[in-house]
Amino acid sequence: YHVHPSNHISGFYFLKCSENTSYPTFEDPRPGKIMTDLSEEDFNDVTISTNKIFYKPKPGTLMLFNSYLPHQFAVDPGLEPFRFIHFNIKVVETAISKETSNKNESK
């Protein structure tokens, strides 16, 4: 799994998918919880102790989440079409964007 440092919002937009294709899995981002974790009774039951959760998207599903949230994709056998767009959004401070704009205008 991975995160997207220096970004604020990450997302997926699913174009082609089904119950048989890959799906996103999200991990608990709290390192302190991982260090002191107790085992879960039932991994299929989603509770406040759940370490990992997954969603089975449908075509047209848009998912937005904090970029610090660790995520990955379950691997599928590749028997059905799977297409998605993964993107990141970062806020650029006004002072930085004005500085860049002024540099471009002086060229």
C-alpha atoms as a PDB file:
ATOM      1  CA  TYR A   1       0.000   0.000   0.000  1.00  0.00           C
ATOM      2  CA  HIS A   2       1.023   3.616  -0.407  1.00  0.00           C
ATOM      3  CA  VAL A   3       0.085   7.248   0.317  1.00  0.00           C
ATOM      4  CA  HIS A   4       0.522  10.440  -1.741  1.00  0.00           C
ATOM      5  CA  PRO A   5       2.738  12.878   0.172  1.00  0.00           C
ATOM      6  CA  SER A   6       2.490  16.609  -0.551  1.00  0.00           C
ATOM      7  CA  ASN A   7      -1.115  16.225  -1.734  1.00  0.00           C
ATOM      8  CA  HIS A   8      -4.407  16.844  -0.002  1.00  0.00           C
ATOM      9  CA  ILE A   9      -7.126  14.838  -1.734  1.00  0.00           C
ATOM     10  CA  SER A  10      -6.757  11.650  -3.768  1.00  0.00           C
ATOM     11  CA  GLY A  11      -9.432   9.905  -5.739  1.00  0.00           C
ATOM     12  CA  PHE A  12     -10.530   7.151  -8.065  1.00  0.00           C
ATOM     13  CA  TYR A  13     -13.016   7.323 -10.902  1.00  0.00           C
ATOM     14  CA  PHE A  14     -14.029   3.883 -12.150  1.00  0.00           C
ATOM     15  CA  LEU A  15     -14.723   3.487 -15.864  1.00  0.00           C
ATOM     16  CA  LYS A  16     -14.898  -0.302 -16.250  1.00  0.00           C
ATOM     17  CA  CYS A  17     -15.224  -2.732 -13.338  1.00  0.00           C
ATOM     18  CA  SER A  18     -17.325  -5.566 -11.986  1.00  0.00           C
ATOM     19  CA  GLU A  19     -17.638  -7.858  -8.980  1.00  0.00           C
ATOM     20  CA  ASN A  20     -14.779  -9.902 -10.487  1.00  0.00           C
ATOM     21  CA  THR A  21     -12.243  -7.109 -11.047  1.00  0.00           C
ATOM     22  CA  SER A  22      -9.780  -5.338  -8.790  1.00  0.00           C
ATOM     23  CA  TYR A  23     -11.038  -3.077  -5.987  1.00  0.00           C
ATOM     24  CA  PRO A  24      -9.464  -0.513  -3.621  1.00  0.00           C
ATOM     25  CA  THR A  25      -8.461  -1.412  -0.089  1.00  0.00           C
ATOM     26  CA  PHE A  26      -7.866   1.273   2.544  1.00  0.00           C
ATOM     27  CA  GLU A  27      -5.660   0.797   5.624  1.00  0.00           C
ATOM     28  CA  ASP A  28      -6.027   2.446   9.026  1.00  0.00           C
ATOM     29  CA  PRO A  29      -3.634   5.469   8.939  1.00  0.00           C
ATOM     30  CA  ARG A  30      -2.973   5.601  12.716  1.00  0.00           C
ATOM     31  CA  PRO A  31       0.519   4.239  13.503  1.00  0.00           C
ATOM     32  CA  GLY A  32      -0.214   4.223  17.257  1.00  0.00           C
ATOM     33  CA  LYS A  33      -3.163   1.915  16.700  1.00  0.00           C
ATOM     34  CA  ILE A  34      -1.039  -0.501  14.692  1.00  0.00           C
ATOM     35  CA  MET A  35       1.535  -0.697  17.514  1.00  0.00           C
ATOM     36  CA  THR A  36      -1.062  -1.489  20.186  1.00  0.00           C
ATOM     37  CA  ASP A  37      -3.538  -3.461  18.090  1.00  0.00           C
ATOM     38  CA  LEU A  38      -5.543  -6.379  19.402  1.00  0.00           C
ATOM     39  CA  SER A  39      -6.691  -9.092  17.042  1.00  0.00           C
ATOM     40  CA  GLU A  40     -10.128  -8.767  15.506  1.00  0.00           C
ATOM     41  CA  GLU A  41     -12.765 -11.402  16.254  1.00  0.00           C
ATOM     42  CA  ASP A  42     -14.323 -11.303  12.797  1.00  0.00           C
ATOM     43  CA  PHE A  43     -12.469  -9.728   9.856  1.00  0.00           C
ATOM     44  CA  ASN A  44     -15.736  -9.506   7.903  1.00  0.00           C
ATOM     45  CA  ASP A  45     -17.370  -7.284  10.535  1.00  0.00           C
ATOM     46  CA  VAL A  46     -16.519  -3.587  10.059  1.00  0.00           C
ATOM     47  CA  THR A  47     -16.016  -1.943  13.472  1.00  0.00           C
ATOM     48  CA  ILE A  48     -13.807   0.758  15.028  1.00  0.00           C
ATOM     49  CA  SER A  49     -11.114  -1.912  15.412  1.00  0.00           C
ATOM     50  CA  THR A  50     -11.058  -2.720  11.677  1.00  0.00           C
ATOM     51  CA  ASN A  51      -7.568  -2.306  10.196  1.00  0.00           C
ATOM     52  CA  LYS A  52      -8.486  -2.626   6.548  1.00  0.00           C
ATOM     53  CA  ILE A  53     -11.656  -1.961   4.558  1.00  0.00           C
ATOM     54  CA  PHE A  54     -12.480  -2.432   0.895  1.00  0.00           C
ATOM     55  CA  TYR A  55     -15.153  -1.210  -1.494  1.00  0.00           C
ATOM     56  CA  LYS A  56     -16.466  -2.954  -4.600  1.00  0.00           C
ATOM     57  CA  PRO A  57     -17.068  -0.082  -7.063  1.00  0.00           C
ATOM     58  CA  LYS A  58     -19.465   0.055  -9.985  1.00  0.00           C
ATOM     59  CA  PRO A  59     -18.767   1.905 -13.269  1.00  0.00           C
ATOM     60  CA  GLY A  60     -19.204   5.634 -12.646  1.00  0.00           C
ATOM     61  CA  THR A  61     -18.193   5.450  -8.969  1.00  0.00           C
ATOM     62  CA  LEU A  62     -16.149   8.438  -7.766  1.00  0.00           C
ATOM     63  CA  MET A  63     -14.164   8.022  -4.529  1.00  0.00           C
ATOM     64  CA  LEU A  64     -12.442  10.945  -2.785  1.00  0.00           C
ATOM     65  CA  PHE A  65     -10.234  10.475   0.289  1.00  0.00           C
ATOM     66  CA  ASN A  66      -7.411  12.145   2.220  1.00  0.00           C
ATOM     67  CA  SER A  67      -4.069  11.586   0.492  1.00  0.00           C
ATOM     68  CA  TYR A  68      -2.505  10.369   3.753  1.00  0.00           C
ATOM     69  CA  LEU A  69      -4.887   7.379   3.809  1.00  0.00           C
ATOM     70  CA  PRO A  70      -2.865   4.258   2.870  1.00  0.00           C
ATOM     71  CA  HIS A  71      -4.456   2.421  -0.037  1.00  0.00           C
ATOM     72  CA  GLN A  72      -3.832  -0.373  -2.493  1.00  0.00           C
ATOM     73  CA  PHE A  73      -5.699  -2.512  -5.026  1.00  0.00           C
ATOM     74  CA  ALA A  74      -6.546  -6.182  -4.732  1.00  0.00           C
ATOM     75  CA  VAL A  75      -5.161  -8.084  -7.709  1.00  0.00           C
ATOM     76  CA  ASP A  76      -7.692  -9.726  -9.999  1.00  0.00           C
ATOM     77  CA  PRO A  77      -7.107 -12.508 -12.567  1.00  0.00           C
ATOM     78  CA  GLY A  78      -7.622 -10.092 -15.482  1.00  0.00           C
ATOM     79  CA  LEU A  79     -10.568 -11.935 -17.001  1.00  0.00           C
ATOM     80  CA  GLU A  80     -12.818  -8.858 -17.259  1.00  0.00           C
ATOM     81  CA  PRO A  81     -12.057  -5.255 -18.315  1.00  0.00           C
ATOM     82  CA  PHE A  82     -10.891  -2.947 -15.546  1.00  0.00           C
ATOM     83  CA  ARG A  83     -10.188   0.767 -16.083  1.00  0.00           C
ATOM     84  CA  PHE A  84     -10.002   3.588 -13.582  1.00  0.00           C
ATOM     85  CA  ILE A  85      -8.468   7.037 -13.188  1.00  0.00           C
ATOM     86  CA  HIS A  86      -6.412   7.703 -10.070  1.00  0.00           C
ATOM     87  CA  PHE A  87      -5.783  11.391  -9.338  1.00  0.00           C
ATOM     88  CA  ASN A  88      -4.395  13.712  -6.661  1.00  0.00           C
ATOM     89  CA  ILE A  89      -5.361  17.277  -5.774  1.00  0.00           C
ATOM     90  CA  LYS A  90      -3.011  19.728  -4.105  1.00  0.00           C
ATOM     91  CA  VAL A  91      -3.787  23.239  -2.922  1.00  0.00           C
ATOM     92  CA  VAL A  92      -1.274  25.813  -4.151  1.00  0.00           C
ATOM     93  CA  GLU A  93      -0.973  28.875  -1.955  1.00  0.00           C
ATOM     94  CA  THR A  94      -1.872  32.196  -3.575  1.00  0.00           C
ATOM     95  CA  ALA A  95       1.609  33.658  -2.924  1.00  0.00           C
ATOM     96  CA  ILE A  96       3.243  30.751  -4.762  1.00  0.00           C
ATOM     97  CA  SER A  97       0.879  30.908  -7.733  1.00  0.00           C
ATOM     98  CA  LYS A  98       1.337  34.709  -8.049  1.00  0.00           C
ATOM     99  CA  GLU A  99       5.121  34.279  -7.885  1.00  0.00           C
ATOM    100  CA  THR A 100       5.032  31.687 -10.658  1.00  0.00           C
ATOM    101  CA  SER A 101       2.660  33.801 -12.738  1.00  0.00           C
ATOM    102  CA  ASN A 102       4.922  36.880 -12.422  1.00  0.00           C
ATOM    103  CA  LYS A 103       7.971  34.861 -13.516  1.00  0.00           C
ATOM    104  CA  ASN A 104       6.127  33.581 -16.598  1.00  0.00           C
ATOM    105  CA  GLU A 105       4.956  37.087 -17.570  1.00  0.00           C
ATOM    106  CA  SER A 106       8.491  38.508 -17.440  1.00  0.00           C
ATOM    107  CA  LYS A 107       9.794  35.978 -20.008  1.00  0.00           C
END
